[in-house]
Amino acid sequence: MLAGALALALTLGVVVLVVNHSRSVAAPARDQPDEPLSDERAAAQVVDAVLEVVKSTAVRDPAGGYAFISCRNADDPPYRAAVHLTFTVPRGNSVAYLNGIAAAMTGLGWADADAHAQHFGRKLTRAGLTAEFYRNPERTDLATMRIDGECSVFTAHHADDPESTERTDRLRQVK
């Protein structure tokens, strides 16, 4: 098939040269952004975002913390900071409640993501961050929100304690 296409191209006087430039660059240079984030900046990126969400929305009884998660596999860089937050869902229409949180977040500059969230939830994005939230399928009185930062952290986190850095006290002081 390739020979036939080449013969037709030569007959028509057409030559196409395809060069995949990214393969000619060393893998580490391709994977590392121009300005990697420090651990502190990456954590602040997601913690500040979740604090703003808690302060500006109807999130009740927030609890959670952040951790660094590999964007590639279980261990290797790059990493992103991610906040895992749980909050209470009032009795009644949980869909309307979560949609109200999404509407408040939209007012803060978040926009609906192209992909859907799991468990019939919502997925929003803003400035390199992704927020996904949904009612907990096992405990209907709770909802879960996760805000993921950029995959721009290259310090080693493969040996981190798997437990997140707890921020519940700080989250509850915001209200």
Foldseek 3Di string as FASTA:
>chain_A
DVVVVVVVCVVVVHDDDDDDVLVVDDPVVSPADPDFDEPVRLQCVAVVVVLVLLLQAPFAQKWWFKDWQAPPDGWAAQIGIKIKIKGFQDPDDSQVRQVRSVVSVVVVVWAFDPDAAPPRWTWTDDDQKIKTKDQDPVDNRMMMIMIIHHRRHHDGDRPPDPGGDIDSVVSVVSD
